[in-house]
N, C-alpha and C. Protein backbone atom coordinates (compact mmCIF):
# COMPACT_ATOMS: atom_id res chain seq x y z
N MET A 1 -7.66 22.92 -8.10
CA MET A 1 -8.15 24.75 -8.51
C MET A 1 -7.51 24.79 -9.73
N ARG A 2 -8.65 25.20 -10.91
CA ARG A 2 -8.38 25.27 -12.25
C ARG A 2 -7.63 26.61 -12.44
N HIS A 3 -6.71 26.40 -13.14
CA HIS A 3 -6.38 28.10 -14.18
C HIS A 3 -6.68 28.76 -14.65
N ARG A 4 -6.94 29.91 -14.54
CA ARG A 4 -7.74 31.01 -15.22
C ARG A 4 -7.39 30.64 -16.75
N GLY A 5 -8.45 30.49 -17.31
CA GLY A 5 -8.64 30.40 -19.26
C GLY A 5 -8.16 28.84 -19.64
N ALA A 6 -7.85 27.74 -18.29
CA ALA A 6 -7.55 26.94 -18.83
C ALA A 6 -8.97 25.74 -18.85
N GLN A 7 -8.84 24.74 -19.65
CA GLN A 7 -10.00 23.67 -20.19
C GLN A 7 -9.98 22.59 -19.52
N PRO A 8 -10.70 22.53 -18.68
CA PRO A 8 -10.70 20.77 -17.79
C PRO A 8 -10.07 19.56 -19.11
N PRO A 9 -9.61 18.79 -18.64
CA PRO A 9 -9.40 17.55 -19.74
C PRO A 9 -10.68 16.96 -19.80
N ASP A 10 -10.66 16.30 -21.02
CA ASP A 10 -12.16 15.23 -21.22
C ASP A 10 -11.54 14.30 -21.00
N LEU A 11 -11.65 13.59 -19.91
CA LEU A 11 -11.09 12.29 -19.22
C LEU A 11 -11.63 11.30 -20.13
N GLY A 12 -12.81 11.08 -20.54
CA GLY A 12 -13.34 10.31 -21.12
C GLY A 12 -12.40 10.27 -22.84
N ASP A 13 -11.91 10.95 -23.20
CA ASP A 13 -11.21 11.29 -24.42
C ASP A 13 -9.65 10.35 -24.01
N LEU A 14 -9.40 11.01 -22.79
CA LEU A 14 -8.11 10.30 -22.20
C LEU A 14 -8.06 8.75 -22.07
N MET A 15 -9.23 8.46 -21.45
CA MET A 15 -9.21 7.11 -21.33
C MET A 15 -9.36 5.99 -22.61
N LYS A 16 -9.65 6.76 -23.40
CA LYS A 16 -10.05 5.92 -24.80
C LYS A 16 -8.27 5.64 -25.64
N ARG A 17 -7.53 6.52 -24.95
CA ARG A 17 -6.39 6.87 -25.60
C ARG A 17 -5.06 6.11 -24.82
N VAL A 18 -5.35 5.85 -23.56
CA VAL A 18 -4.38 5.41 -22.97
C VAL A 18 -5.19 4.22 -21.73
N THR A 19 -4.56 3.30 -21.62
CA THR A 19 -5.59 2.13 -20.68
C THR A 19 -5.04 2.13 -19.31
N GLY A 20 -3.60 2.20 -19.55
CA GLY A 20 -2.98 2.11 -18.47
C GLY A 20 -1.21 2.18 -18.27
N ILE A 21 -0.46 1.75 -17.29
CA ILE A 21 0.76 1.96 -17.43
C ILE A 21 1.55 0.45 -17.47
N GLY A 22 2.09 0.34 -18.87
CA GLY A 22 2.70 -0.79 -19.35
C GLY A 22 3.95 -0.67 -18.60
N GLY A 23 4.79 0.09 -18.38
CA GLY A 23 6.11 -0.24 -17.74
C GLY A 23 6.80 1.20 -17.32
N ILE A 24 7.77 1.17 -16.70
CA ILE A 24 8.59 2.22 -16.14
C ILE A 24 10.01 1.94 -16.47
N PHE A 25 10.71 2.60 -17.12
CA PHE A 25 11.95 2.62 -17.81
C PHE A 25 13.09 3.62 -17.41
N PHE A 26 14.15 3.32 -16.47
CA PHE A 26 15.07 4.50 -16.30
C PHE A 26 16.21 4.26 -16.41
N THR A 27 17.31 4.95 -16.20
CA THR A 27 18.44 4.49 -16.75
C THR A 27 19.53 5.00 -15.21
N ALA A 28 20.66 4.65 -15.33
CA ALA A 28 21.60 4.56 -14.51
C ALA A 28 23.12 4.71 -14.76
N LYS A 29 23.90 5.16 -13.79
CA LYS A 29 25.32 5.19 -14.18
C LYS A 29 25.80 3.96 -14.17
N ASP A 30 25.46 3.34 -13.20
CA ASP A 30 25.79 2.21 -13.04
C ASP A 30 24.79 1.21 -12.79
N ALA A 31 24.04 0.74 -13.80
CA ALA A 31 22.88 -0.19 -13.94
C ALA A 31 23.04 -1.33 -12.83
N PRO A 32 24.23 -2.19 -13.46
CA PRO A 32 24.44 -3.14 -12.60
C PRO A 32 24.05 -3.31 -10.90
N ALA A 33 24.98 -2.25 -10.17
CA ALA A 33 24.81 -1.47 -8.82
C ALA A 33 23.61 -1.31 -8.50
N LEU A 34 22.65 -0.46 -9.61
CA LEU A 34 21.45 -0.08 -9.12
C LEU A 34 20.01 -0.88 -8.85
N ARG A 35 20.45 -2.10 -10.03
CA ARG A 35 19.75 -2.95 -9.91
C ARG A 35 19.78 -3.96 -8.58
N ALA A 36 21.12 -4.12 -8.34
CA ALA A 36 21.46 -4.99 -7.06
C ALA A 36 20.70 -3.99 -5.33
N TRP A 37 20.98 -3.00 -5.76
CA TRP A 37 20.49 -2.21 -4.41
C TRP A 37 18.93 -2.40 -4.75
N TYR A 38 18.13 -2.08 -5.66
CA TYR A 38 16.64 -2.47 -5.52
C TYR A 38 16.34 -4.01 -5.12
N LYS A 39 17.07 -4.65 -5.60
CA LYS A 39 16.92 -6.42 -5.42
C LYS A 39 17.23 -6.42 -3.83
N ARG A 40 18.27 -5.83 -3.39
CA ARG A 40 18.47 -6.03 -2.20
C ARG A 40 17.52 -5.39 -0.97
N HIS A 41 17.50 -4.13 -1.41
CA HIS A 41 16.70 -3.38 -0.44
C HIS A 41 15.23 -3.26 -0.46
N LEU A 42 14.70 -3.22 -1.51
CA LEU A 42 13.41 -3.25 -1.91
C LEU A 42 12.49 -4.66 -2.25
N GLY A 43 13.55 -5.58 -2.62
CA GLY A 43 13.08 -7.01 -2.80
C GLY A 43 12.40 -7.14 -4.09
N ILE A 44 12.66 -6.38 -4.93
CA ILE A 44 12.34 -6.29 -6.28
C ILE A 44 13.01 -7.75 -7.01
N ASP A 45 12.29 -8.31 -7.83
CA ASP A 45 13.03 -9.63 -8.21
C ASP A 45 13.42 -9.29 -9.53
N VAL A 46 14.71 -8.80 -9.81
CA VAL A 46 15.45 -8.39 -10.79
C VAL A 46 16.09 -9.50 -11.70
N GLN A 47 15.69 -9.45 -12.81
CA GLN A 47 16.12 -10.84 -13.70
C GLN A 47 17.14 -10.14 -14.49
N ASP A 48 17.68 -11.20 -15.03
CA ASP A 48 19.08 -11.31 -16.17
C ASP A 48 19.41 -9.95 -16.71
N TRP A 49 17.81 -9.82 -17.63
CA TRP A 49 17.63 -8.87 -18.13
C TRP A 49 17.73 -7.09 -18.12
N GLY A 50 17.60 -7.08 -16.83
CA GLY A 50 17.76 -5.87 -16.20
C GLY A 50 16.29 -5.48 -15.73
N GLY A 51 15.35 -6.12 -15.43
CA GLY A 51 14.20 -5.59 -14.75
C GLY A 51 13.20 -7.15 -14.44
N THR A 52 11.97 -6.87 -14.16
CA THR A 52 11.01 -7.65 -13.69
C THR A 52 9.72 -7.09 -13.87
N ALA A 53 8.90 -8.21 -14.04
CA ALA A 53 7.33 -7.75 -14.69
C ALA A 53 6.38 -8.06 -13.31
N PHE A 54 5.86 -6.93 -13.18
CA PHE A 54 4.99 -7.52 -11.76
C PHE A 54 3.52 -7.82 -12.39
N THR A 55 2.99 -8.81 -12.04
CA THR A 55 1.98 -9.43 -12.63
C THR A 55 0.64 -8.76 -11.94
N TRP A 56 -0.08 -8.34 -12.81
CA TRP A 56 -1.24 -7.77 -12.27
C TRP A 56 -2.32 -8.69 -11.57
N THR A 57 -3.00 -8.53 -10.41
CA THR A 57 -3.97 -9.09 -9.88
C THR A 57 -5.63 -8.65 -9.32
N ASP A 58 -6.27 -9.30 -9.15
CA ASP A 58 -7.57 -8.67 -9.17
C ASP A 58 -7.52 -8.64 -7.68
N GLY A 59 -8.85 -8.20 -6.91
CA GLY A 59 -9.07 -7.63 -5.56
C GLY A 59 -8.88 -9.04 -4.67
N GLU A 60 -8.67 -9.95 -4.97
CA GLU A 60 -8.76 -11.42 -4.50
C GLU A 60 -7.00 -11.94 -4.30
N GLY A 61 -6.23 -10.99 -5.17
CA GLY A 61 -5.08 -11.53 -5.14
C GLY A 61 -4.64 -12.33 -6.54
N GLN A 62 -5.49 -12.38 -7.10
CA GLN A 62 -5.46 -13.56 -8.34
C GLN A 62 -4.87 -13.26 -9.53
N PRO A 63 -3.93 -13.90 -10.10
CA PRO A 63 -3.53 -12.94 -11.22
C PRO A 63 -4.32 -13.24 -12.39
N PHE A 64 -4.38 -12.00 -13.31
CA PHE A 64 -4.94 -12.04 -14.82
C PHE A 64 -4.08 -11.28 -15.50
N ALA A 65 -4.60 -11.22 -16.66
CA ALA A 65 -4.06 -10.96 -17.79
C ALA A 65 -3.53 -9.50 -17.90
N GLY A 66 -1.99 -9.39 -17.84
CA GLY A 66 -1.58 -8.19 -17.82
C GLY A 66 -0.28 -8.04 -17.11
N SER A 67 0.62 -7.10 -17.36
CA SER A 67 1.73 -7.10 -16.32
C SER A 67 2.35 -5.69 -16.47
N THR A 68 2.98 -5.08 -15.69
CA THR A 68 3.76 -4.01 -15.39
C THR A 68 5.26 -4.34 -15.77
N ILE A 69 5.84 -3.61 -16.42
CA ILE A 69 7.45 -3.80 -16.84
C ILE A 69 8.22 -2.75 -16.00
N TRP A 70 9.00 -2.97 -15.31
CA TRP A 70 9.94 -2.23 -14.48
C TRP A 70 11.65 -2.64 -14.77
N SER A 71 12.44 -1.73 -15.27
CA SER A 71 13.91 -1.78 -15.86
C SER A 71 14.66 -0.81 -15.55
N ILE A 72 15.87 -1.17 -15.34
CA ILE A 72 17.02 -0.31 -15.31
C ILE A 72 18.08 -0.54 -16.49
N GLY A 73 18.23 0.67 -17.10
CA GLY A 73 19.20 0.24 -18.47
C GLY A 73 20.36 1.15 -18.29
N ALA A 74 21.47 0.88 -18.66
CA ALA A 74 22.62 1.69 -18.87
C ALA A 74 22.59 3.20 -19.54
N ALA A 75 22.97 4.02 -18.64
CA ALA A 75 22.52 5.65 -19.07
C ALA A 75 22.95 5.70 -20.88
N GLU A 76 24.19 5.39 -21.20
CA GLU A 76 24.45 5.58 -22.41
C GLU A 76 24.15 4.25 -23.32
N GLY A 77 22.84 3.57 -22.97
CA GLY A 77 22.01 2.68 -23.81
C GLY A 77 21.13 3.12 -24.85
N GLY A 78 21.09 4.28 -24.62
CA GLY A 78 20.13 5.05 -25.66
C GLY A 78 18.74 4.78 -25.78
N GLN A 79 18.11 4.13 -24.65
CA GLN A 79 16.81 3.69 -24.63
C GLN A 79 15.65 4.59 -24.75
N VAL A 80 16.40 5.73 -23.94
CA VAL A 80 15.34 7.14 -23.54
C VAL A 80 15.71 8.25 -24.61
N ALA A 81 16.37 7.93 -25.34
CA ALA A 81 17.20 9.10 -26.65
C ALA A 81 15.98 8.99 -27.63
N PRO A 82 15.76 10.19 -27.96
CA PRO A 82 16.44 11.66 -27.68
C PRO A 82 16.16 12.28 -26.65
N SER A 83 15.60 11.79 -25.65
CA SER A 83 15.28 12.76 -24.26
C SER A 83 16.55 12.61 -23.46
N ALA A 84 16.49 13.67 -22.90
CA ALA A 84 17.71 13.90 -22.30
C ALA A 84 17.44 13.50 -20.44
N ALA A 85 16.08 13.02 -20.59
CA ALA A 85 15.57 12.56 -18.99
C ALA A 85 16.35 11.01 -18.86
N SER A 86 16.20 10.90 -17.52
CA SER A 86 16.70 9.31 -17.33
C SER A 86 15.50 8.26 -16.88
N PHE A 87 14.54 8.35 -17.79
CA PHE A 87 13.18 7.65 -17.39
C PHE A 87 12.52 7.60 -18.83
N MET A 88 11.53 6.58 -18.85
CA MET A 88 10.26 6.51 -20.07
C MET A 88 9.28 5.95 -19.14
N VAL A 89 8.07 6.41 -19.29
CA VAL A 89 7.05 5.73 -18.75
C VAL A 89 6.29 5.25 -20.57
N ASN A 90 5.72 3.90 -20.03
CA ASN A 90 5.29 2.97 -21.04
C ASN A 90 3.93 3.08 -21.02
N TYR A 91 3.00 3.35 -21.90
CA TYR A 91 1.33 3.53 -21.71
C TYR A 91 0.95 2.24 -22.25
N ARG A 92 -0.24 1.78 -22.07
CA ARG A 92 -0.34 0.68 -22.70
C ARG A 92 -1.67 1.39 -23.74
N VAL A 93 -2.18 1.21 -24.89
CA VAL A 93 -2.94 1.77 -25.38
C VAL A 93 -3.89 0.52 -26.39
N GLU A 94 -4.86 0.75 -26.88
CA GLU A 94 -5.86 -0.13 -27.33
C GLU A 94 -5.81 -0.23 -28.71
N ASP A 95 -5.39 0.99 -29.63
CA ASP A 95 -5.14 1.21 -30.91
C ASP A 95 -3.90 2.04 -31.52
N LEU A 96 -2.83 1.68 -31.09
CA LEU A 96 -1.65 1.98 -31.45
C LEU A 96 -1.71 2.97 -32.80
N LEU A 97 -2.05 2.55 -33.79
CA LEU A 97 -1.90 3.10 -34.97
C LEU A 97 -3.00 4.45 -35.20
N GLY A 98 -4.08 4.35 -34.55
CA GLY A 98 -5.01 5.27 -34.85
C GLY A 98 -4.63 6.08 -33.79
N LEU A 99 -4.03 6.09 -32.91
CA LEU A 99 -3.47 7.05 -31.59
C LEU A 99 -2.17 7.75 -32.37
N VAL A 100 -1.39 7.08 -33.00
CA VAL A 100 -0.21 7.73 -33.44
C VAL A 100 -0.82 8.87 -34.63
N ALA A 101 -1.76 8.26 -35.59
CA ALA A 101 -2.38 9.44 -36.30
C ALA A 101 -3.29 10.71 -35.80
N THR A 102 -3.75 10.29 -34.84
CA THR A 102 -4.56 11.53 -34.31
C THR A 102 -3.49 12.33 -33.51
N LEU A 103 -2.23 11.63 -32.62
CA LEU A 103 -1.13 12.66 -32.43
C LEU A 103 -0.21 13.27 -33.44
N ARG A 104 -0.46 12.76 -34.51
CA ARG A 104 0.30 13.72 -35.83
C ARG A 104 -0.82 14.86 -36.16
N GLU A 105 -1.79 14.35 -36.28
CA GLU A 105 -2.97 15.34 -36.71
C GLU A 105 -3.09 16.98 -35.81
N GLU A 106 -2.74 16.12 -34.18
CA GLU A 106 -2.85 17.10 -33.33
C GLU A 106 -1.57 18.08 -33.22
N GLY A 107 -0.57 17.80 -34.16
CA GLY A 107 0.93 18.54 -34.21
C GLY A 107 1.88 18.02 -33.31
N CYS A 108 1.60 16.64 -32.53
CA CYS A 108 2.59 16.01 -31.55
C CYS A 108 3.91 15.98 -32.38
N ASN A 109 5.06 15.54 -31.25
CA ASN A 109 6.12 15.25 -32.14
C ASN A 109 6.48 13.61 -32.04
N VAL A 110 5.55 13.05 -32.91
CA VAL A 110 5.88 11.76 -32.97
C VAL A 110 6.98 11.24 -33.76
N ILE A 111 7.86 10.40 -32.96
CA ILE A 111 9.00 9.61 -33.66
C ILE A 111 8.26 8.80 -34.48
N GLU A 112 8.96 8.84 -35.70
CA GLU A 112 8.38 8.02 -37.07
C GLU A 112 8.66 6.31 -36.97
N LYS A 113 9.56 5.78 -36.32
CA LYS A 113 9.38 4.52 -36.00
C LYS A 113 8.50 3.99 -35.31
N ILE A 114 7.80 2.89 -35.70
CA ILE A 114 6.76 2.04 -35.30
C ILE A 114 7.33 0.35 -35.13
N ASP A 115 7.52 -0.22 -33.78
CA ASP A 115 7.95 -1.61 -33.96
C ASP A 115 6.71 -2.29 -33.63
N ASP A 116 6.73 -3.64 -34.49
CA ASP A 116 5.75 -4.68 -34.26
C ASP A 116 6.52 -6.20 -34.18
N SER A 117 6.29 -6.50 -33.04
CA SER A 117 6.85 -7.52 -32.35
C SER A 117 5.98 -8.47 -31.71
N GLU A 118 6.84 -9.65 -31.21
CA GLU A 118 5.84 -10.59 -30.66
C GLU A 118 5.56 -10.14 -29.21
N TYR A 119 6.01 -8.81 -28.89
CA TYR A 119 5.57 -8.26 -27.47
C TYR A 119 4.52 -7.47 -27.82
N GLY A 120 4.20 -7.11 -28.98
CA GLY A 120 2.93 -5.83 -29.31
C GLY A 120 3.86 -4.89 -29.97
N LYS A 121 2.85 -3.91 -30.32
CA LYS A 121 3.09 -2.98 -31.30
C LYS A 121 3.71 -1.92 -30.29
N PHE A 122 4.74 -0.88 -30.65
CA PHE A 122 5.42 0.07 -29.83
C PHE A 122 5.64 1.54 -30.72
N ALA A 123 5.36 2.37 -30.23
CA ALA A 123 5.39 3.80 -30.89
C ALA A 123 6.07 4.90 -29.93
N TRP A 124 6.62 6.07 -30.42
CA TRP A 124 7.30 6.87 -29.33
C TRP A 124 6.87 8.58 -29.60
N VAL A 125 6.33 9.37 -28.99
CA VAL A 125 5.94 10.62 -28.99
C VAL A 125 7.20 11.17 -27.82
N MET A 126 7.35 12.55 -28.04
CA MET A 126 8.05 13.28 -27.34
C MET A 126 7.01 13.95 -26.71
N ASP A 127 7.13 14.64 -25.49
CA ASP A 127 6.16 15.25 -24.45
C ASP A 127 6.78 16.77 -24.58
N PRO A 128 6.20 18.00 -24.47
CA PRO A 128 6.30 19.13 -24.72
C PRO A 128 7.53 19.22 -23.83
N GLU A 129 8.00 18.81 -22.75
CA GLU A 129 9.13 19.04 -21.82
C GLU A 129 10.50 18.24 -22.46
N GLY A 130 10.01 17.67 -23.52
CA GLY A 130 11.31 16.70 -24.24
C GLY A 130 11.56 15.56 -23.65
N ASN A 131 10.74 15.10 -22.96
CA ASN A 131 10.50 13.49 -22.53
C ASN A 131 9.93 12.49 -23.55
N LYS A 132 11.05 11.68 -23.46
CA LYS A 132 10.38 10.13 -24.54
C LYS A 132 9.11 9.55 -23.71
N VAL A 133 8.02 9.39 -24.38
CA VAL A 133 6.91 8.60 -24.25
C VAL A 133 6.39 7.48 -24.99
N GLU A 134 6.77 6.23 -24.33
CA GLU A 134 6.44 4.74 -25.19
C GLU A 134 5.22 4.51 -25.51
N LEU A 135 4.39 4.23 -25.97
CA LEU A 135 3.07 3.61 -26.62
C LEU A 135 3.02 2.08 -26.89
N TRP A 136 2.08 1.54 -26.31
CA TRP A 136 2.46 0.09 -26.83
C TRP A 136 0.82 -0.64 -26.39
N GLN A 137 0.74 -1.30 -27.66
CA GLN A 137 -0.17 -2.08 -27.96
C GLN A 137 0.13 -3.28 -27.41
N PRO A 138 -0.58 -4.11 -26.60
CA PRO A 138 0.16 -5.35 -26.27
C PRO A 138 -0.49 -6.30 -27.00
N PRO A 139 0.04 -7.58 -27.27
CA PRO A 139 -0.71 -8.37 -28.10
C PRO A 139 -2.06 -9.13 -27.83
N SER A 140 -3.04 -9.36 -28.58
CA SER A 140 -4.42 -9.79 -28.42
C SER A 140 -4.46 -10.78 -27.44
N GLY A 141 -5.03 -10.35 -26.22
CA GLY A 141 -4.99 -11.41 -24.91
C GLY A 141 -4.44 -10.76 -23.69
N GLN A 142 -3.55 -10.09 -23.76
CA GLN A 142 -3.10 -9.57 -22.82
C GLN A 142 -3.22 -8.33 -22.19
């Protein structure tokens, strides 16, 4: 059901910007206890760094390039700051610098910092509700 006056999203344009979910990060008052709960009750293979990487598979269950990170951090760790939310979604993108430039042109609240590391390029934008959104361009071949 469409809202009166609302324009439908241009799905073709959206798909050029975000290609998938690279990770889900959330915070907890007692991160070690919550990690242990997820490990015990849901069988998530939580590693020492506080999360796990779910490897992508094809229709036959064979692994292929890509993974989705799942991680719990300490609430006071600042990972989702300046957001007051307890979560942050990481979206995979193909052209991080191009997307950041476009978002700035569109008047979005883009955080100035851009990280470039062995894990890829990262940038952040605040959505209209004040949630921090992470944008990630994986290294070539991932």
